Amino acid sequence: TSIEDSDKSERSSTSTDDDHVEKARAVICENRRLTVLEVSEEVGICKIRATRF
Protein backbone atom coordinates (compact mmCIF):
# COMPACT_ATOMS: atom_id res chain seq x y z
CA THR A 1 0.00 0.00 0.00
CA SER A 2 1.19 3.49 -0.78
CA ILE A 3 1.04 6.49 1.50
CA GLU A 4 -1.62 8.02 -0.74
CA ASP A 5 -3.90 5.00 -0.33
CA SER A 6 -3.66 5.04 3.46
CA ASP A 7 -4.44 8.77 3.57
CA LYS A 8 -7.59 8.29 1.54
CA SER A 9 -8.90 5.50 3.74
CA GLU A 10 -8.75 7.72 6.82
CA ARG A 11 -10.45 10.76 5.35
CA SER A 12 -13.89 11.65 6.56
CA SER A 13 -16.74 11.34 4.10
CA THR A 14 -19.12 13.62 5.99
CA SER A 15 -19.34 16.06 3.11
CA THR A 16 -20.96 13.45 0.91
CA ASP A 17 -23.39 11.76 3.27
CA ASP A 18 -27.07 12.43 2.65
CA ASP A 19 -27.59 14.57 5.76
CA HIS A 20 -24.80 16.99 4.87
CA VAL A 21 -25.88 17.18 1.23
CA GLU A 22 -29.46 18.02 2.19
CA LYS A 23 -28.36 20.53 4.82
CA ALA A 24 -26.04 22.27 2.32
CA ARG A 25 -28.81 22.46 -0.28
CA ALA A 26 -31.24 23.87 2.27
CA VAL A 27 -28.73 26.49 3.46
CA ILE A 28 -27.98 27.53 -0.12
CA CYS A 29 -31.66 27.70 -1.10
CA GLU A 30 -32.42 29.78 1.97
CA ASN A 31 -29.77 32.37 1.09
CA ARG A 32 -28.10 32.15 -2.30
CA ARG A 33 -25.75 35.03 -1.44
CA LEU A 34 -23.76 33.02 1.09
CA THR A 35 -20.09 32.49 0.40
CA VAL A 36 -18.55 29.04 0.15
CA LEU A 37 -16.90 29.65 3.52
CA GLU A 38 -20.23 30.54 5.14
CA VAL A 39 -21.90 27.43 3.71
CA SER A 40 -19.04 25.21 4.88
CA GLU A 41 -19.19 26.65 8.40
CA GLU A 42 -22.98 26.36 8.59
CA VAL A 43 -23.02 22.75 7.41
CA GLY A 44 -19.83 21.63 9.15
CA ILE A 45 -17.81 20.58 6.12
CA CYS A 46 -14.52 21.81 4.69
CA LYS A 47 -14.51 24.73 2.28
CA ILE A 48 -13.29 22.65 -0.67
CA ARG A 49 -16.15 20.15 -0.27
CA ALA A 50 -18.66 22.99 -0.07
CA THR A 51 -17.69 24.12 -3.57
CA ARG A 52 -19.33 20.96 -4.92
CA PHE A 53 -22.83 22.12 -3.98
PDB file of N, CA and C in Angstrom:
ATOM      1  N   THR A   1       0.839  -1.191   0.000  1.00  0.00           N
ATOM      2  CA  THR A   1       0.000   0.000   0.000  1.00  0.00           C
ATOM      3  C   THR A   1       0.881   1.250   0.000  1.00  0.00           C
ATOM      4  N   SER A   2       0.437   2.236  -0.735  1.00  0.00           N
ATOM      5  CA  SER A   2       1.188   3.486  -0.781  1.00  0.00           C
ATOM      6  C   SER A   2       0.679   4.440   0.291  1.00  0.00           C
ATOM      7  N   ILE A   3       1.449   5.470   0.525  1.00  0.00           N
ATOM      8  CA  ILE A   3       1.044   6.491   1.500  1.00  0.00           C
ATOM      9  C   ILE A   3      -0.257   7.147   1.067  1.00  0.00           C
ATOM     10  N   GLU A   4      -0.407   7.378  -0.231  1.00  0.00           N
ATOM     11  CA  GLU A   4      -1.623   8.019  -0.737  1.00  0.00           C
ATOM     12  C   GLU A   4      -2.858   7.186  -0.442  1.00  0.00           C
ATOM     13  N   ASP A   5      -2.756   5.867  -0.598  1.00  0.00           N
ATOM     14  CA  ASP A   5      -3.896   4.999  -0.329  1.00  0.00           C
ATOM     15  C   ASP A   5      -4.297   5.044   1.140  1.00  0.00           C
ATOM     16  N   SER A   6      -3.316   5.031   2.040  1.00  0.00           N
ATOM     17  CA  SER A   6      -3.656   5.038   3.460  1.00  0.00           C
ATOM     18  C   SER A   6      -4.265   6.372   3.876  1.00  0.00           C
ATOM     19  N   ASP A   7      -3.834   7.476   3.267  1.00  0.00           N
ATOM     20  CA  ASP A   7      -4.436   8.772   3.573  1.00  0.00           C
ATOM     21  C   ASP A   7      -5.900   8.802   3.175  1.00  0.00           C
ATOM     22  N   LYS A   8      -6.211   8.263   2.029  1.00  0.00           N
ATOM     23  CA  LYS A   8      -7.588   8.287   1.538  1.00  0.00           C
ATOM     24  C   LYS A   8      -8.514   7.481   2.432  1.00  0.00           C
ATOM     25  N   SER A   9      -8.036   6.356   2.940  1.00  0.00           N
ATOM     26  CA  SER A   9      -8.902   5.499   3.743  1.00  0.00           C
ATOM     27  C   SER A   9      -9.263   6.134   5.082  1.00  0.00           C
ATOM     28  N   GLU A  10      -8.474   7.097   5.544  1.00  0.00           N
ATOM     29  CA  GLU A  10      -8.747   7.717   6.825  1.00  0.00           C
ATOM     30  C   GLU A  10      -9.467   9.049   6.712  1.00  0.00           C
ATOM     31  N   ARG A  11      -9.754   9.487   5.524  1.00  0.00           N
ATOM     32  CA  ARG A  11     -10.454  10.760   5.346  1.00  0.00           C
ATOM     33  C   ARG A  11     -11.926  10.607   5.684  1.00  0.00           C
ATOM     34  N   SER A  12     -12.474  11.643   6.225  1.00  0.00           N
ATOM     35  CA  SER A  12     -13.891  11.646   6.563  1.00  0.00           C
ATOM     36  C   SER A  12     -14.731  11.835   5.307  1.00  0.00           C
ATOM     37  N   SER A  13     -15.852  11.179   5.249  1.00  0.00           N
ATOM     38  CA  SER A  13     -16.739  11.338   4.097  1.00  0.00           C
ATOM     39  C   SER A  13     -18.003  12.101   4.475  1.00  0.00           C
ATOM     40  N   THR A  14     -17.925  12.913   5.512  1.00  0.00           N
ATOM     41  CA  THR A  14     -19.118  13.616   5.987  1.00  0.00           C
ATOM     42  C   THR A  14     -19.689  14.572   4.964  1.00  0.00           C
ATOM     43  N   SER A  15     -18.838  15.085   4.077  1.00  0.00           N
ATOM     44  CA  SER A  15     -19.341  16.062   3.109  1.00  0.00           C
ATOM     45  C   SER A  15     -20.219  15.420   2.055  1.00  0.00           C
ATOM     46  N   THR A  16     -20.172  14.102   1.943  1.00  0.00           N
ATOM     47  CA  THR A  16     -20.964  13.450   0.908  1.00  0.00           C
ATOM     48  C   THR A  16     -22.110  12.614   1.461  1.00  0.00           C
ATOM     49  N   ASP A  17     -22.263  12.539   2.777  1.00  0.00           N
ATOM     50  CA  ASP A  17     -23.393  11.764   3.270  1.00  0.00           C
ATOM     51  C   ASP A  17     -24.691  12.549   3.053  1.00  0.00           C
ATOM     52  N   ASP A  18     -25.779  11.841   3.007  1.00  0.00           N
ATOM     53  CA  ASP A  18     -27.071  12.435   2.647  1.00  0.00           C
ATOM     54  C   ASP A  18     -27.475  13.604   3.545  1.00  0.00           C
ATOM     55  N   ASP A  19     -27.210  13.488   4.836  1.00  0.00           N
ATOM     56  CA  ASP A  19     -27.592  14.565   5.758  1.00  0.00           C
ATOM     57  C   ASP A  19     -26.866  15.869   5.439  1.00  0.00           C
ATOM     58  N   HIS A  20     -25.574  15.785   5.177  1.00  0.00           N
ATOM     59  CA  HIS A  20     -24.803  16.992   4.871  1.00  0.00           C
ATOM     60  C   HIS A  20     -25.188  17.573   3.510  1.00  0.00           C
ATOM     61  N   VAL A  21     -25.467  16.707   2.552  1.00  0.00           N
ATOM     62  CA  VAL A  21     -25.884  17.184   1.226  1.00  0.00           C
ATOM     63  C   VAL A  21     -27.199  17.940   1.338  1.00  0.00           C
ATOM     64  N   GLU A  22     -28.158  17.368   2.032  1.00  0.00           N
ATOM     65  CA  GLU A  22     -29.459  18.020   2.191  1.00  0.00           C
ATOM     66  C   GLU A  22     -29.342  19.325   2.977  1.00  0.00           C
ATOM     67  N   LYS A  23     -28.527  19.318   4.028  1.00  0.00           N
ATOM     68  CA  LYS A  23     -28.357  20.534   4.823  1.00  0.00           C
ATOM     69  C   LYS A  23     -27.713  21.633   3.982  1.00  0.00           C
ATOM     70  N   ALA A  24     -26.706  21.278   3.182  1.00  0.00           N
ATOM     71  CA  ALA A  24     -26.044  22.267   2.320  1.00  0.00           C
ATOM     72  C   ALA A  24     -27.028  22.836   1.310  1.00  0.00           C
ATOM     73  N   ARG A  25     -27.822  21.989   0.701  1.00  0.00           N
ATOM     74  CA  ARG A  25     -28.812  22.463  -0.276  1.00  0.00           C
ATOM     75  C   ARG A  25     -29.822  23.393   0.375  1.00  0.00           C
ATOM     76  N   ALA A  26     -30.268  23.036   1.571  1.00  0.00           N
ATOM     77  CA  ALA A  26     -31.243  23.874   2.274  1.00  0.00           C
ATOM     78  C   ALA A  26     -30.646  25.235   2.628  1.00  0.00           C
ATOM     79  N   VAL A  27     -29.408  25.235   3.096  1.00  0.00           N
ATOM     80  CA  VAL A  27     -28.734  26.488   3.456  1.00  0.00           C
ATOM     81  C   VAL A  27     -28.581  27.371   2.227  1.00  0.00           C
ATOM     82  N   ILE A  28     -28.184  26.775   1.119  1.00  0.00           N
ATOM     83  CA  ILE A  28     -27.984  27.534  -0.120  1.00  0.00           C
ATOM     84  C   ILE A  28     -29.310  28.067  -0.651  1.00  0.00           C
ATOM     85  N   CYS A  29     -30.352  27.249  -0.615  1.00  0.00           N
ATOM     86  CA  CYS A  29     -31.663  27.700  -1.102  1.00  0.00           C
ATOM     87  C   CYS A  29     -32.227  28.822  -0.235  1.00  0.00           C
ATOM     88  N   GLU A  30     -31.930  28.767   1.041  1.00  0.00           N
ATOM     89  CA  GLU A  30     -32.418  29.784   1.970  1.00  0.00           C
ATOM     90  C   GLU A  30     -31.767  31.145   1.708  1.00  0.00           C
ATOM     91  N   ASN A  31     -30.491  31.123   1.346  1.00  0.00           N
ATOM     92  CA  ASN A  31     -29.772  32.373   1.087  1.00  0.00           C
ATOM     93  C   ASN A  31     -28.700  32.116   0.032  1.00  0.00           C
ATOM     94  N   ARG A  32     -29.017  32.415  -1.198  1.00  0.00           N
ATOM     95  CA  ARG A  32     -28.097  32.150  -2.301  1.00  0.00           C
ATOM     96  C   ARG A  32     -26.911  33.112  -2.354  1.00  0.00           C
ATOM     97  N   ARG A  33     -26.869  34.077  -1.463  1.00  0.00           N
ATOM     98  CA  ARG A  33     -25.751  35.034  -1.440  1.00  0.00           C
ATOM     99  C   ARG A  33     -24.647  34.627  -0.471  1.00  0.00           C
ATOM    100  N   LEU A  34     -24.787  33.484   0.172  1.00  0.00           N
ATOM    101  CA  LEU A  34     -23.760  33.020   1.094  1.00  0.00           C
ATOM    102  C   LEU A  34     -22.483  32.677   0.338  1.00  0.00           C
ATOM    103  N   THR A  35     -21.363  32.894   0.990  1.00  0.00           N
ATOM    104  CA  THR A  35     -20.088  32.493   0.399  1.00  0.00           C
ATOM    105  C   THR A  35     -19.860  31.005   0.659  1.00  0.00           C
ATOM    106  N   VAL A  36     -18.902  30.442  -0.053  1.00  0.00           N
ATOM    107  CA  VAL A  36     -18.551  29.039   0.152  1.00  0.00           C
ATOM    108  C   VAL A  36     -18.112  28.830   1.604  1.00  0.00           C
ATOM    109  N   LEU A  37     -17.355  29.756   2.134  1.00  0.00           N
ATOM    110  CA  LEU A  37     -16.900  29.649   3.522  1.00  0.00           C
ATOM    111  C   LEU A  37     -18.083  29.639   4.489  1.00  0.00           C
ATOM    112  N   GLU A  38     -19.054  30.499   4.265  1.00  0.00           N
ATOM    113  CA  GLU A  38     -20.234  30.545   5.137  1.00  0.00           C
ATOM    114  C   GLU A  38     -21.032  29.248   5.061  1.00  0.00           C
ATOM    115  N   VAL A  39     -21.186  28.703   3.866  1.00  0.00           N
ATOM    116  CA  VAL A  39     -21.904  27.428   3.713  1.00  0.00           C
ATOM    117  C   VAL A  39     -21.143  26.327   4.439  1.00  0.00           C
ATOM    118  N   SER A  40     -19.837  26.270   4.247  1.00  0.00           N
ATOM    119  CA  SER A  40     -19.042  25.213   4.882  1.00  0.00           C
ATOM    120  C   SER A  40     -19.126  25.288   6.406  1.00  0.00           C
ATOM    121  N   GLU A  41     -19.090  26.494   6.949  1.00  0.00           N
ATOM    122  CA  GLU A  41     -19.191  26.653   8.403  1.00  0.00           C
ATOM    123  C   GLU A  41     -20.577  26.279   8.910  1.00  0.00           C
ATOM    124  N   GLU A  42     -21.597  26.651   8.187  1.00  0.00           N
ATOM    125  CA  GLU A  42     -22.979  26.355   8.589  1.00  0.00           C
ATOM    126  C   GLU A  42     -23.256  24.852   8.587  1.00  0.00           C
ATOM    127  N   VAL A  43     -22.739  24.174   7.577  1.00  0.00           N
ATOM    128  CA  VAL A  43     -23.015  22.746   7.409  1.00  0.00           C
ATOM    129  C   VAL A  43     -22.031  21.884   8.196  1.00  0.00           C
ATOM    130  N   GLY A  44     -20.834  22.406   8.428  1.00  0.00           N
ATOM    131  CA  GLY A  44     -19.831  21.634   9.153  1.00  0.00           C
ATOM    132  C   GLY A  44     -18.961  20.782   8.249  1.00  0.00           C
ATOM    133  N   ILE A  45     -18.681  21.281   7.055  1.00  0.00           N
ATOM    134  CA  ILE A  45     -17.807  20.582   6.119  1.00  0.00           C
ATOM    135  C   ILE A  45     -16.677  21.516   5.710  1.00  0.00           C
ATOM    136  N   CYS A  46     -15.640  20.956   5.093  1.00  0.00           N
ATOM    137  CA  CYS A  46     -14.523  21.807   4.686  1.00  0.00           C
ATOM    138  C   CYS A  46     -14.916  22.662   3.482  1.00  0.00           C
ATOM    139  N   LYS A  47     -14.207  23.748   3.327  1.00  0.00           N
ATOM    140  CA  LYS A  47     -14.511  24.732   2.281  1.00  0.00           C
ATOM    141  C   LYS A  47     -14.425  24.115   0.884  1.00  0.00           C
ATOM    142  N   ILE A  48     -13.451  23.264   0.652  1.00  0.00           N
ATOM    143  CA  ILE A  48     -13.290  22.650  -0.670  1.00  0.00           C
ATOM    144  C   ILE A  48     -14.487  21.768  -1.000  1.00  0.00           C
ATOM    145  N   ARG A  49     -14.978  21.014  -0.036  1.00  0.00           N
ATOM    146  CA  ARG A  49     -16.148  20.154  -0.273  1.00  0.00           C
ATOM    147  C   ARG A  49     -17.402  20.989  -0.537  1.00  0.00           C
ATOM    148  N   ALA A  50     -17.488  22.132   0.106  1.00  0.00           N
ATOM    149  CA  ALA A  50     -18.663  22.989  -0.067  1.00  0.00           C
ATOM    150  C   ALA A  50     -18.759  23.542  -1.482  1.00  0.00           C
ATOM    151  N   THR A  51     -17.650  23.610  -2.199  1.00  0.00           N
ATOM    152  CA  THR A  51     -17.693  24.118  -3.573  1.00  0.00           C
ATOM    153  C   THR A  51     -18.431  23.167  -4.497  1.00  0.00           C
ATOM    154  N   ARG A  52     -18.655  21.958  -4.077  1.00  0.00           N
ATOM    155  CA  ARG A  52     -19.335  20.959  -4.921  1.00  0.00           C
ATOM    156  C   ARG A  52     -20.849  21.101  -4.918  1.00  0.00           C
ATOM    157  N   PHE A  53     -21.376  21.954  -4.055  1.00  0.00           N
ATOM    158  CA  PHE A  53     -22.828  22.118  -3.978  1.00  0.00           C
ATOM    159  C   PHE A  53     -23.223  23.252  -4.824  1.00  0.00           C
TER     160      PHE A  53
END
